[in-house]
Amino acid sequence: MKRLYLSETDKKIGGVCGGIAEYLEVDSTVIRLAWLLISLFTALFGGVIAYLIAWAIIPPRQRTL
């Protein structure tokens, strides 16, 4: 079963876009551009709030020893 996690390797701020890209198996640049467009069309408010909420609710990947 696939799970959504914050990316530890492909992150610019919190790893949200990288994690979504890993989950959807697409390039993270596509996700970042989509997020940028959403942010621009909502006067930055919607995109920033959505990013912060996603950062808070998407769990980090648990490291196994």
PDB file of N, CA and C in Angstrom:
ATOM      1  N   MET A   1       0.843  -1.178   0.000  1.00  0.00           N
ATOM      2  CA  MET A   1       0.000   0.000   0.000  1.00  0.00           C
ATOM      3  C   MET A   1       0.891   1.244   0.000  1.00  0.00           C
ATOM      4  N   LYS A   2       0.611   2.154  -0.948  1.00  0.00           N
ATOM      5  CA  LYS A   2       1.372   3.391  -1.018  1.00  0.00           C
ATOM      6  C   LYS A   2       0.912   4.341   0.075  1.00  0.00           C
ATOM      7  N   ARG A   3       1.863   5.037   0.668  1.00  0.00           N
ATOM      8  CA  ARG A   3       1.563   6.030   1.693  1.00  0.00           C
ATOM      9  C   ARG A   3       2.214   7.346   1.306  1.00  0.00           C
ATOM     10  N   LEU A   4       1.585   8.425   1.700  1.00  0.00           N
ATOM     11  CA  LEU A   4       2.105   9.760   1.433  1.00  0.00           C
ATOM     12  C   LEU A   4       2.945  10.210   2.617  1.00  0.00           C
ATOM     13  N   TYR A   5       4.198  10.577   2.341  1.00  0.00           N
ATOM     14  CA  TYR A   5       5.111  11.070   3.359  1.00  0.00           C
ATOM     15  C   TYR A   5       5.786  12.339   2.854  1.00  0.00           C
ATOM     16  N   LEU A   6       6.293  13.138   3.772  1.00  0.00           N
ATOM     17  CA  LEU A   6       7.135  14.260   3.406  1.00  0.00           C
ATOM     18  C   LEU A   6       8.429  13.713   2.832  1.00  0.00           C
ATOM     19  N   SER A   7       8.933  14.348   1.808  1.00  0.00           N
ATOM     20  CA  SER A   7      10.175  13.897   1.192  1.00  0.00           C
ATOM     21  C   SER A   7      11.362  14.387   2.019  1.00  0.00           C
ATOM     22  N   GLU A   8      12.311  13.504   2.238  1.00  0.00           N
ATOM     23  CA  GLU A   8      13.532  13.891   2.938  1.00  0.00           C
ATOM     24  C   GLU A   8      14.638  14.269   1.958  1.00  0.00           C
ATOM     25  N   THR A   9      14.531  13.815   0.729  1.00  0.00           N
ATOM     26  CA  THR A   9      15.591  14.055  -0.246  1.00  0.00           C
ATOM     27  C   THR A   9      15.245  15.135  -1.261  1.00  0.00           C
ATOM     28  N   ASP A  10      13.968  15.311  -1.581  1.00  0.00           N
ATOM     29  CA  ASP A  10      13.543  16.265  -2.604  1.00  0.00           C
ATOM     30  C   ASP A  10      12.691  17.341  -1.949  1.00  0.00           C
ATOM     31  N   LYS A  11      13.350  18.225  -1.199  1.00  0.00           N
ATOM     32  CA  LYS A  11      12.581  19.272  -0.535  1.00  0.00           C
ATOM     33  C   LYS A  11      13.269  20.613  -0.669  1.00  0.00           C
ATOM     34  N   LYS A  12      12.451  21.634  -0.740  1.00  0.00           N
ATOM     35  CA  LYS A  12      12.944  23.007  -0.772  1.00  0.00           C
ATOM     36  C   LYS A  12      12.636  23.693   0.559  1.00  0.00           C
ATOM     37  N   ILE A  13      11.436  23.476   1.076  1.00  0.00           N
ATOM     38  CA  ILE A  13      11.051  24.064   2.363  1.00  0.00           C
ATOM     39  C   ILE A  13      10.725  22.946   3.345  1.00  0.00           C
ATOM     40  N   GLY A  14       9.608  22.275   3.127  1.00  0.00           N
ATOM     41  CA  GLY A  14       9.185  21.257   4.077  1.00  0.00           C
ATOM     42  C   GLY A  14       9.097  19.855   3.507  1.00  0.00           C
ATOM     43  N   GLY A  15       9.246  19.708   2.206  1.00  0.00           N
ATOM     44  CA  GLY A  15       9.169  18.397   1.588  1.00  0.00           C
ATOM     45  C   GLY A  15       7.783  18.001   1.134  1.00  0.00           C
ATOM     46  N   VAL A  16       6.843  18.933   1.158  1.00  0.00           N
ATOM     47  CA  VAL A  16       5.461  18.628   0.776  1.00  0.00           C
ATOM     48  C   VAL A  16       5.370  18.311  -0.712  1.00  0.00           C
ATOM     49  N   CYS A  17       5.860  19.185  -1.557  1.00  0.00           N
ATOM     50  CA  CYS A  17       5.774  18.965  -3.010  1.00  0.00           C
ATOM     51  C   CYS A  17       6.575  17.735  -3.429  1.00  0.00           C
ATOM     52  N   GLY A  18       7.737  17.540  -2.844  1.00  0.00           N
ATOM     53  CA  GLY A  18       8.537  16.359  -3.138  1.00  0.00           C
ATOM     54  C   GLY A  18       7.834  15.086  -2.726  1.00  0.00           C
ATOM     55  N   GLY A  19       7.181  15.109  -1.581  1.00  0.00           N
ATOM     56  CA  GLY A  19       6.446  13.940  -1.108  1.00  0.00           C
ATOM     57  C   GLY A  19       5.253  13.619  -1.989  1.00  0.00           C
ATOM     58  N   ILE A  20       4.530  14.642  -2.408  1.00  0.00           N
ATOM     59  CA  ILE A  20       3.389  14.437  -3.307  1.00  0.00           C
ATOM     60  C   ILE A  20       3.878  13.895  -4.645  1.00  0.00           C
ATOM     61  N   ALA A  21       4.997  14.419  -5.137  1.00  0.00           N
ATOM     62  CA  ALA A  21       5.561  13.945  -6.402  1.00  0.00           C
ATOM     63  C   ALA A  21       5.989  12.481  -6.298  1.00  0.00           C
ATOM     64  N   GLU A  22       6.603  12.101  -5.183  1.00  0.00           N
ATOM     65  CA  GLU A  22       6.995  10.699  -4.989  1.00  0.00           C
ATOM     66  C   GLU A  22       5.765   9.807  -4.943  1.00  0.00           C
ATOM     67  N   TYR A  23       4.721  10.259  -4.283  1.00  0.00           N
ATOM     68  CA  TYR A  23       3.494   9.469  -4.170  1.00  0.00           C
ATOM     69  C   TYR A  23       2.826   9.285  -5.533  1.00  0.00           C
ATOM     70  N   LEU A  24       2.774  10.349  -6.326  1.00  0.00           N
ATOM     71  CA  LEU A  24       2.128  10.299  -7.642  1.00  0.00           C
ATOM     72  C   LEU A  24       3.066   9.805  -8.734  1.00  0.00           C
ATOM     73  N   GLU A  25       4.346   9.609  -8.408  1.00  0.00           N
ATOM     74  CA  GLU A  25       5.362   9.157  -9.350  1.00  0.00           C
ATOM     75  C   GLU A  25       5.487  10.086 -10.548  1.00  0.00           C
ATOM     76  N   VAL A  26       5.572  11.389 -10.254  1.00  0.00           N
ATOM     77  CA  VAL A  26       5.812  12.406 -11.279  1.00  0.00           C
ATOM     78  C   VAL A  26       6.995  13.257 -10.826  1.00  0.00           C
ATOM     79  N   ASP A  27       7.472  14.103 -11.720  1.00  0.00           N
ATOM     80  CA  ASP A  27       8.578  14.990 -11.390  1.00  0.00           C
ATOM     81  C   ASP A  27       8.103  16.062 -10.405  1.00  0.00           C
ATOM     82  N   SER A  28       8.911  16.361  -9.424  1.00  0.00           N
ATOM     83  CA  SER A  28       8.513  17.331  -8.408  1.00  0.00           C
ATOM     84  C   SER A  28       8.359  18.740  -8.982  1.00  0.00           C
ATOM     85  N   THR A  29       9.029  19.019 -10.092  1.00  0.00           N
ATOM     86  CA  THR A  29       8.897  20.329 -10.731  1.00  0.00           C
ATOM     87  C   THR A  29       7.463  20.564 -11.191  1.00  0.00           C
ATOM     88  N   VAL A  30       6.801  19.538 -11.673  1.00  0.00           N
ATOM     89  CA  VAL A  30       5.407  19.645 -12.110  1.00  0.00           C
ATOM     90  C   VAL A  30       4.523  20.008 -10.917  1.00  0.00           C
ATOM     91  N   ILE A  31       4.736  19.372  -9.797  1.00  0.00           N
ATOM     92  CA  ILE A  31       3.946  19.648  -8.599  1.00  0.00           C
ATOM     93  C   ILE A  31       4.223  21.071  -8.104  1.00  0.00           C
ATOM     94  N   ARG A  32       5.480  21.469  -8.117  1.00  0.00           N
ATOM     95  CA  ARG A  32       5.827  22.829  -7.663  1.00  0.00           C
ATOM     96  C   ARG A  32       5.222  23.896  -8.563  1.00  0.00           C
ATOM     97  N   LEU A  33       5.226  23.661  -9.880  1.00  0.00           N
ATOM     98  CA  LEU A  33       4.612  24.623 -10.799  1.00  0.00           C
ATOM     99  C   LEU A  33       3.100  24.697 -10.593  1.00  0.00           C
ATOM    100  N   ALA A  34       2.460  23.549 -10.383  1.00  0.00           N
ATOM    101  CA  ALA A  34       1.018  23.546 -10.121  1.00  0.00           C
ATOM    102  C   ALA A  34       0.725  24.301  -8.827  1.00  0.00           C
ATOM    103  N   TRP A  35       1.535  24.074  -7.808  1.00  0.00           N
ATOM    104  CA  TRP A  35       1.338  24.761  -6.530  1.00  0.00           C
ATOM    105  C   TRP A  35       1.543  26.270  -6.698  1.00  0.00           C
ATOM    106  N   LEU A  36       2.523  26.654  -7.502  1.00  0.00           N
ATOM    107  CA  LEU A  36       2.762  28.065  -7.770  1.00  0.00           C
ATOM    108  C   LEU A  36       1.562  28.696  -8.473  1.00  0.00           C
ATOM    109  N   LEU A  37       0.999  28.011  -9.466  1.00  0.00           N
ATOM    110  CA  LEU A  37      -0.171  28.542 -10.168  1.00  0.00           C
ATOM    111  C   LEU A  37      -1.372  28.678  -9.241  1.00  0.00           C
ATOM    112  N   ILE A  38      -1.581  27.684  -8.398  1.00  0.00           N
ATOM    113  CA  ILE A  38      -2.674  27.767  -7.423  1.00  0.00           C
ATOM    114  C   ILE A  38      -2.452  28.959  -6.503  1.00  0.00           C
ATOM    115  N   SER A  39      -1.219  29.138  -6.063  1.00  0.00           N
ATOM    116  CA  SER A  39      -0.907  30.261  -5.178  1.00  0.00           C
ATOM    117  C   SER A  39      -1.143  31.598  -5.856  1.00  0.00           C
ATOM    118  N   LEU A  40      -0.731  31.709  -7.120  1.00  0.00           N
ATOM    119  CA  LEU A  40      -0.910  32.970  -7.836  1.00  0.00           C
ATOM    120  C   LEU A  40      -2.385  33.284  -8.077  1.00  0.00           C
ATOM    121  N   PHE A  41      -3.174  32.267  -8.419  1.00  0.00           N
ATOM    122  CA  PHE A  41      -4.585  32.500  -8.696  1.00  0.00           C
ATOM    123  C   PHE A  41      -5.411  32.758  -7.441  1.00  0.00           C
ATOM    124  N   THR A  42      -4.871  32.437  -6.285  1.00  0.00           N
ATOM    125  CA  THR A  42      -5.591  32.697  -5.033  1.00  0.00           C
ATOM    126  C   THR A  42      -4.908  33.807  -4.231  1.00  0.00           C
ATOM    127  N   ALA A  43      -4.157  34.664  -4.933  1.00  0.00           N
ATOM    128  CA  ALA A  43      -3.459  35.792  -4.320  1.00  0.00           C
ATOM    129  C   ALA A  43      -2.536  35.338  -3.197  1.00  0.00           C
ATOM    130  N   LEU A  44      -1.862  34.213  -3.404  1.00  0.00           N
ATOM    131  CA  LEU A  44      -0.909  33.595  -2.476  1.00  0.00           C
ATOM    132  C   LEU A  44      -1.543  33.025  -1.224  1.00  0.00           C
ATOM    133  N   PHE A  45      -2.717  33.486  -0.858  1.00  0.00           N
ATOM    134  CA  PHE A  45      -3.331  33.052   0.394  1.00  0.00           C
ATOM    135  C   PHE A  45      -3.650  31.559   0.384  1.00  0.00           C
ATOM    136  N   GLY A  46      -4.344  31.092  -0.650  1.00  0.00           N
ATOM    137  CA  GLY A  46      -4.763  29.694  -0.702  1.00  0.00           C
ATOM    138  C   GLY A  46      -3.599  28.724  -0.776  1.00  0.00           C
ATOM    139  N   GLY A  47      -2.622  29.036  -1.604  1.00  0.00           N
ATOM    140  CA  GLY A  47      -1.470  28.158  -1.753  1.00  0.00           C
ATOM    141  C   GLY A  47      -0.619  28.073  -0.504  1.00  0.00           C
ATOM    142  N   VAL A  48      -0.406  29.210   0.143  1.00  0.00           N
ATOM    143  CA  VAL A  48       0.410  29.228   1.363  1.00  0.00           C
ATOM    144  C   VAL A  48      -0.299  28.503   2.498  1.00  0.00           C
ATOM    145  N   ILE A  49      -1.570  28.771   2.667  1.00  0.00           N
ATOM    146  CA  ILE A  49      -2.337  28.100   3.728  1.00  0.00           C
ATOM    147  C   ILE A  49      -2.400  26.601   3.471  1.00  0.00           C
ATOM    148  N   ALA A  50      -2.640  26.201   2.218  1.00  0.00           N
ATOM    149  CA  ALA A  50      -2.701  24.780   1.882  1.00  0.00           C
ATOM    150  C   ALA A  50      -1.348  24.110   2.132  1.00  0.00           C
ATOM    151  N   TYR A  51      -0.251  24.794   1.803  1.00  0.00           N
ATOM    152  CA  TYR A  51       1.078  24.236   2.027  1.00  0.00           C
ATOM    153  C   TYR A  51       1.326  24.028   3.520  1.00  0.00           C
ATOM    154  N   LEU A  52       0.991  25.013   4.317  1.00  0.00           N
ATOM    155  CA  LEU A  52       1.197  24.905   5.770  1.00  0.00           C
ATOM    156  C   LEU A  52       0.356  23.784   6.373  1.00  0.00           C
ATOM    157  N   ILE A  53      -0.875  23.655   5.911  1.00  0.00           N
ATOM    158  CA  ILE A  53      -1.747  22.570   6.407  1.00  0.00           C
ATOM    159  C   ILE A  53      -1.178  21.218   5.986  1.00  0.00           C
ATOM    160  N   ALA A  54      -0.758  21.111   4.711  1.00  0.00           N
ATOM    161  CA  ALA A  54      -0.186  19.851   4.234  1.00  0.00           C
ATOM    162  C   ALA A  54       1.086  19.512   5.001  1.00  0.00           C
ATOM    163  N   TRP A  55       1.909  20.501   5.292  1.00  0.00           N
ATOM    164  CA  TRP A  55       3.146  20.291   6.035  1.00  0.00           C
ATOM    165  C   TRP A  55       2.843  19.777   7.441  1.00  0.00           C
ATOM    166  N   ALA A  56       1.751  20.256   8.011  1.00  0.00           N
ATOM    167  CA  ALA A  56       1.378  19.848   9.363  1.00  0.00           C
ATOM    168  C   ALA A  56       0.764  18.450   9.419  1.00  0.00           C
ATOM    169  N   ILE A  57       0.029  18.039   8.370  1.00  0.00           N
ATOM    170  CA  ILE A  57      -0.692  16.765   8.469  1.00  0.00           C
ATOM    171  C   ILE A  57      -0.012  15.592   7.772  1.00  0.00           C
ATOM    172  N   ILE A  58       0.877  15.853   6.808  1.00  0.00           N
ATOM    173  CA  ILE A  58       1.580  14.757   6.141  1.00  0.00           C
ATOM    174  C   ILE A  58       2.727  14.325   7.051  1.00  0.00           C
ATOM    175  N   PRO A  59       2.767  13.051   7.413  1.00  0.00           N
ATOM    176  CA  PRO A  59       3.797  12.597   8.353  1.00  0.00           C
ATOM    177  C   PRO A  59       5.160  12.428   7.665  1.00  0.00           C
ATOM    178  N   PRO A  60       6.240  12.598   8.434  1.00  0.00           N
ATOM    179  CA  PRO A  60       7.552  12.280   7.876  1.00  0.00           C
ATOM    180  C   PRO A  60       7.727  10.769   7.800  1.00  0.00           C
ATOM    181  N   ARG A  61       8.598  10.324   6.900  1.00  0.00           N
ATOM    182  CA  ARG A  61       8.864   8.888   6.765  1.00  0.00           C
ATOM    183  C   ARG A  61       9.651   8.432   8.002  1.00  0.00           C
ATOM    184  N   GLN A  62       9.224   7.329   8.583  1.00  0.00           N
ATOM    185  CA  GLN A  62       9.904   6.778   9.741  1.00  0.00           C
ATOM    186  C   GLN A  62      11.171   6.071   9.292  1.00  0.00           C
ATOM    187  N   ARG A  63      12.255   6.398   9.924  1.00  0.00           N
ATOM    188  CA  ARG A  63      13.523   5.761   9.594  1.00  0.00           C
ATOM    189  C   ARG A  63      13.602   4.390  10.272  1.00  0.00           C
ATOM    190  N   THR A  64      14.033   3.406   9.512  1.00  0.00           N
ATOM    191  CA  THR A  64      14.211   2.068  10.075  1.00  0.00           C
ATOM    192  C   THR A  64      15.688   1.797  10.247  1.00  0.00           C
ATOM    193  N   LEU A  65      16.014   1.140  11.311  1.00  0.00           N
ATOM    194  CA  LEU A  65      17.419   0.840  11.591  1.00  0.00           C
ATOM    195  C   LEU A  65      17.825  -0.494  11.084  1.00  0.00           C
TER     196      LEU A  65
END
